[in-house]
Amino acid sequence: MEKIEIALLTMTLLAIGLAVSFFLRLSNLLPIVVIISLAPGIFITYLEHRKVREIERMFPYFATDVTEVVRAGMPLTQAIKYVAKNDYGELSKHVRRIAAKLDMGIPLSRALESFANETKSKMIKRAVSTIVKVDEYGGRIVDVLSSVIDSIRIIDKLKRERELLIYGSITQCYAIFLIFLGIMVAMYKFLFPMLTSEAGTVETLIGIQYSTLFLHLSLIQAFFSGIVIGKMTEGSVVAGFKHSLILLVISYLVAMFLT
């Protein structure tokens, strides 16, 4: 699903939700309407991100199989067709598509470049660009494929090591967010009554304003905290959307409990 399609879906759901809330005068449900409207787009975007990660994970296995076949003496084009029957998970359909294009007479460079664009992976685009140039201008394709595989595996290893090292930071970020909610709850339940000297209408009015402020602050904090967690752990803002959604739901439930 393209980004423009996801954006249109999200805006459509948001517009419908806001219209229903406005006509039914359910202003207190606006935050949950926003969360529900954003959820499908966030979910679809995250699934696309997971697919790209899976393709990147399987690409070294595909490249290794091609390298071994080429080392045995088969041309690169025939080698790709030969390994197309193997199972590479999410990558398999792309490999079969390359083989089908080669059978139709499409040049190898065009088939590989189309494959790289379809995967939406920067890492694969760089690897394919290197392979295409070596194939066009001549060179030891086996050595190039081996270097590409080694580079990809090193990058993947570094990513995994970073995820393991920063795993504790996810717990810390969630803990910090819960502490933030705890402070806000304490202020609402204990500090606010102490600072309010007059009872009745004034206290009620200020309480309503404060509860609204608490809800808005917690939702803003939840959204950006989730993005920060995703950027820190997986190096992608998209990966943080799932954390944002979890924190948004927690924030809304706590705010509703207080009111």
Foldseek 3Di string as FASTA:
>chain_A
DDPVVLVVQLVVQLVVLVVVCVVVVVVVCNLVSNLVSCVVSLVVLVVLVVLLVLLLVLVLVLLVQLLVVVVVPDDSLVSLLVCLPPDSDSCNVLSVQLNVCVVVVNDNLVSQCVSVVVSVDPLSNVLSVQLSVCVVVDDDSSVSSVVSSVVSVVVVVVLVVQLVVCVVVVVVLVVVLVVVLVVLLCCLPPVLVVPDDDDDPVSVVVSVVSLVVQLVVQLVSLQVSLQVSLCRNRVDSSRSSVSSSVSNVVSSVSSVVSD
